[in-house]
Amino acid sequence: MIGIFKTNIDSPHDKNQVLQALTAKFNATACTVDLEDCDKVLRIECLPMPESHIADFVQQLGFHCSPLE
């Protein structure tokens, strides 16, 4: 599964924190946040699962996260 999400992650520190947490929680094979994009796009490649699980987890970390369509 490749999930693409709109976030409000806006600093390199926050980006690293979220990427480390996502990689550990969901065993992601690839995970990035584009801080240059206006939507601060999060892309995660991991085992199939509902996008809501990833969005909820990022929100628990204190950031907005919603699937991009």
N, C-alpha and C. Protein backbone atom coordinates (compact mmCIF):
# COMPACT_ATOMS: atom_id res chain seq x y z
N MET A 1 0.83 -1.17 0.00
CA MET A 1 0.00 0.00 0.00
C MET A 1 0.88 1.24 0.00
N ILE A 2 0.51 2.21 -0.79
CA ILE A 2 1.15 3.52 -0.75
C ILE A 2 0.08 4.52 -0.34
N GLY A 3 0.28 5.14 0.82
CA GLY A 3 -0.65 6.15 1.31
C GLY A 3 -0.08 7.53 1.08
N ILE A 4 -0.96 8.45 0.69
CA ILE A 4 -0.55 9.84 0.45
C ILE A 4 -1.48 10.72 1.27
N PHE A 5 -0.88 11.56 2.12
CA PHE A 5 -1.65 12.34 3.09
C PHE A 5 -1.23 13.80 3.10
N LYS A 6 -2.19 14.68 3.39
CA LYS A 6 -1.94 16.09 3.63
C LYS A 6 -1.68 16.24 5.12
N THR A 7 -0.61 16.97 5.49
CA THR A 7 -0.28 17.15 6.90
C THR A 7 0.04 18.62 7.18
N ASN A 8 0.32 18.89 8.44
CA ASN A 8 0.82 20.22 8.83
C ASN A 8 2.21 20.11 9.45
N ILE A 9 2.93 19.08 9.10
CA ILE A 9 4.31 18.90 9.57
C ILE A 9 5.16 19.97 8.88
N ASP A 10 5.84 20.81 9.67
CA ASP A 10 6.51 21.94 9.01
C ASP A 10 7.96 22.17 9.38
N SER A 11 8.54 21.28 10.19
CA SER A 11 9.96 21.46 10.51
C SER A 11 10.70 20.14 10.31
N PRO A 12 11.99 20.24 10.04
CA PRO A 12 12.78 19.01 9.89
C PRO A 12 12.73 18.13 11.14
N HIS A 13 12.72 18.74 12.31
CA HIS A 13 12.65 17.97 13.56
C HIS A 13 11.35 17.18 13.64
N ASP A 14 10.22 17.86 13.37
CA ASP A 14 8.92 17.18 13.40
C ASP A 14 8.85 16.09 12.33
N LYS A 15 9.39 16.38 11.17
CA LYS A 15 9.41 15.41 10.07
C LYS A 15 10.14 14.14 10.51
N ASN A 16 11.32 14.29 11.09
CA ASN A 16 12.10 13.13 11.52
C ASN A 16 11.38 12.35 12.61
N GLN A 17 10.75 13.05 13.53
CA GLN A 17 10.01 12.40 14.61
C GLN A 17 8.88 11.56 14.04
N VAL A 18 8.11 12.12 13.12
CA VAL A 18 6.97 11.40 12.54
C VAL A 18 7.45 10.23 11.69
N LEU A 19 8.47 10.43 10.88
CA LEU A 19 8.96 9.35 10.03
C LEU A 19 9.48 8.18 10.85
N GLN A 20 10.20 8.46 11.93
CA GLN A 20 10.71 7.39 12.79
C GLN A 20 9.56 6.63 13.44
N ALA A 21 8.56 7.35 13.91
CA ALA A 21 7.42 6.71 14.56
C ALA A 21 6.62 5.86 13.57
N LEU A 22 6.40 6.39 12.37
CA LEU A 22 5.65 5.64 11.35
C LEU A 22 6.40 4.38 10.93
N THR A 23 7.69 4.52 10.72
CA THR A 23 8.50 3.37 10.30
C THR A 23 8.46 2.27 11.35
N ALA A 24 8.55 2.66 12.61
CA ALA A 24 8.52 1.67 13.69
C ALA A 24 7.14 1.04 13.85
N LYS A 25 6.10 1.85 13.79
CA LYS A 25 4.73 1.37 14.04
C LYS A 25 4.21 0.50 12.90
N PHE A 26 4.44 0.93 11.65
CA PHE A 26 3.83 0.27 10.50
C PHE A 26 4.82 -0.50 9.64
N ASN A 27 6.07 -0.62 10.10
CA ASN A 27 7.08 -1.36 9.35
C ASN A 27 7.15 -0.86 7.90
N ALA A 28 7.20 0.45 7.75
CA ALA A 28 7.20 1.08 6.43
C ALA A 28 8.49 0.78 5.68
N THR A 29 8.36 0.49 4.39
CA THR A 29 9.54 0.27 3.56
C THR A 29 10.05 1.58 2.98
N ALA A 30 9.18 2.58 2.88
CA ALA A 30 9.56 3.92 2.43
C ALA A 30 8.59 4.91 3.06
N CYS A 31 9.13 6.07 3.46
CA CYS A 31 8.29 7.05 4.14
C CYS A 31 8.96 8.42 3.96
N THR A 32 8.22 9.41 3.44
CA THR A 32 8.77 10.74 3.23
C THR A 32 7.73 11.80 3.57
N VAL A 33 8.22 12.99 3.89
CA VAL A 33 7.38 14.18 4.03
C VAL A 33 8.03 15.27 3.20
N ASP A 34 7.26 15.87 2.30
CA ASP A 34 7.77 16.95 1.44
C ASP A 34 7.46 18.29 2.11
N LEU A 35 8.44 18.84 2.80
CA LEU A 35 8.24 20.11 3.51
C LEU A 35 8.12 21.29 2.55
N GLU A 36 8.53 21.13 1.30
CA GLU A 36 8.44 22.21 0.32
C GLU A 36 7.05 22.32 -0.30
N ASP A 37 6.28 21.25 -0.25
CA ASP A 37 4.93 21.23 -0.82
C ASP A 37 3.98 21.98 0.09
N CYS A 38 3.02 22.70 -0.48
CA CYS A 38 2.07 23.48 0.34
C CYS A 38 1.21 22.57 1.21
N ASP A 39 1.02 21.31 0.82
CA ASP A 39 0.23 20.36 1.60
C ASP A 39 1.08 19.51 2.54
N LYS A 40 2.40 19.77 2.59
CA LYS A 40 3.32 19.00 3.44
C LYS A 40 3.02 17.50 3.30
N VAL A 41 3.10 17.03 2.07
CA VAL A 41 2.64 15.68 1.71
C VAL A 41 3.49 14.59 2.36
N LEU A 42 2.79 13.70 3.05
CA LEU A 42 3.37 12.50 3.62
C LEU A 42 3.06 11.34 2.69
N ARG A 43 4.11 10.59 2.32
CA ARG A 43 3.94 9.37 1.52
C ARG A 43 4.52 8.22 2.32
N ILE A 44 3.74 7.15 2.43
CA ILE A 44 4.21 5.99 3.18
C ILE A 44 3.90 4.73 2.39
N GLU A 45 4.90 3.87 2.29
CA GLU A 45 4.73 2.57 1.64
C GLU A 45 4.87 1.51 2.72
N CYS A 46 3.79 0.75 2.91
CA CYS A 46 3.78 -0.26 3.96
C CYS A 46 2.79 -1.36 3.59
N LEU A 47 2.64 -2.32 4.48
CA LEU A 47 1.68 -3.40 4.27
C LEU A 47 0.28 -2.82 4.15
N PRO A 48 -0.61 -3.48 3.41
CA PRO A 48 -1.98 -2.96 3.26
C PRO A 48 -2.68 -2.78 4.61
N MET A 49 -3.30 -1.61 4.75
CA MET A 49 -4.09 -1.30 5.95
C MET A 49 -4.93 -0.07 5.65
N PRO A 50 -5.98 0.14 6.42
CA PRO A 50 -6.81 1.32 6.19
C PRO A 50 -6.01 2.61 6.38
N GLU A 51 -6.23 3.56 5.48
CA GLU A 51 -5.54 4.85 5.60
C GLU A 51 -5.88 5.53 6.92
N SER A 52 -7.06 5.24 7.44
CA SER A 52 -7.46 5.88 8.70
C SER A 52 -6.54 5.51 9.85
N HIS A 53 -5.96 4.31 9.83
CA HIS A 53 -5.03 3.91 10.89
C HIS A 53 -3.79 4.79 10.89
N ILE A 54 -3.28 5.08 9.70
CA ILE A 54 -2.10 5.93 9.59
C ILE A 54 -2.44 7.36 9.98
N ALA A 55 -3.55 7.89 9.47
CA ALA A 55 -3.96 9.25 9.78
C ALA A 55 -4.19 9.41 11.28
N ASP A 56 -4.86 8.45 11.90
CA ASP A 56 -5.12 8.52 13.34
C ASP A 56 -3.82 8.51 14.13
N PHE A 57 -2.87 7.70 13.72
CA PHE A 57 -1.59 7.61 14.42
C PHE A 57 -0.84 8.94 14.34
N VAL A 58 -0.79 9.54 13.15
CA VAL A 58 -0.10 10.83 12.99
C VAL A 58 -0.81 11.90 13.83
N GLN A 59 -2.12 11.85 13.89
CA GLN A 59 -2.87 12.81 14.70
C GLN A 59 -2.56 12.61 16.18
N GLN A 60 -2.36 11.37 16.61
CA GLN A 60 -1.98 11.11 18.00
C GLN A 60 -0.61 11.70 18.33
N LEU A 61 0.22 11.85 17.30
CA LEU A 61 1.54 12.47 17.48
C LEU A 61 1.43 14.00 17.55
N GLY A 62 0.22 14.53 17.29
CA GLY A 62 -0.01 15.97 17.41
C GLY A 62 -0.07 16.74 16.12
N PHE A 63 -0.23 16.06 14.99
CA PHE A 63 -0.26 16.72 13.69
C PHE A 63 -1.54 16.41 12.94
N HIS A 64 -1.96 17.34 12.10
CA HIS A 64 -3.09 17.10 11.21
C HIS A 64 -2.63 16.09 10.15
N CYS A 65 -3.52 15.19 9.77
CA CYS A 65 -3.21 14.21 8.72
C CYS A 65 -4.50 13.72 8.10
N SER A 66 -4.63 13.92 6.79
CA SER A 66 -5.82 13.43 6.09
C SER A 66 -5.42 12.91 4.72
N PRO A 67 -6.07 11.85 4.26
CA PRO A 67 -5.73 11.28 2.94
C PRO A 67 -5.94 12.29 1.82
N LEU A 68 -5.01 12.30 0.88
CA LEU A 68 -5.14 13.13 -0.33
C LEU A 68 -5.76 12.27 -1.42
N GLU A 69 -6.63 12.86 -2.18
CA GLU A 69 -7.28 12.10 -3.26
C GLU A 69 -6.88 12.64 -4.60
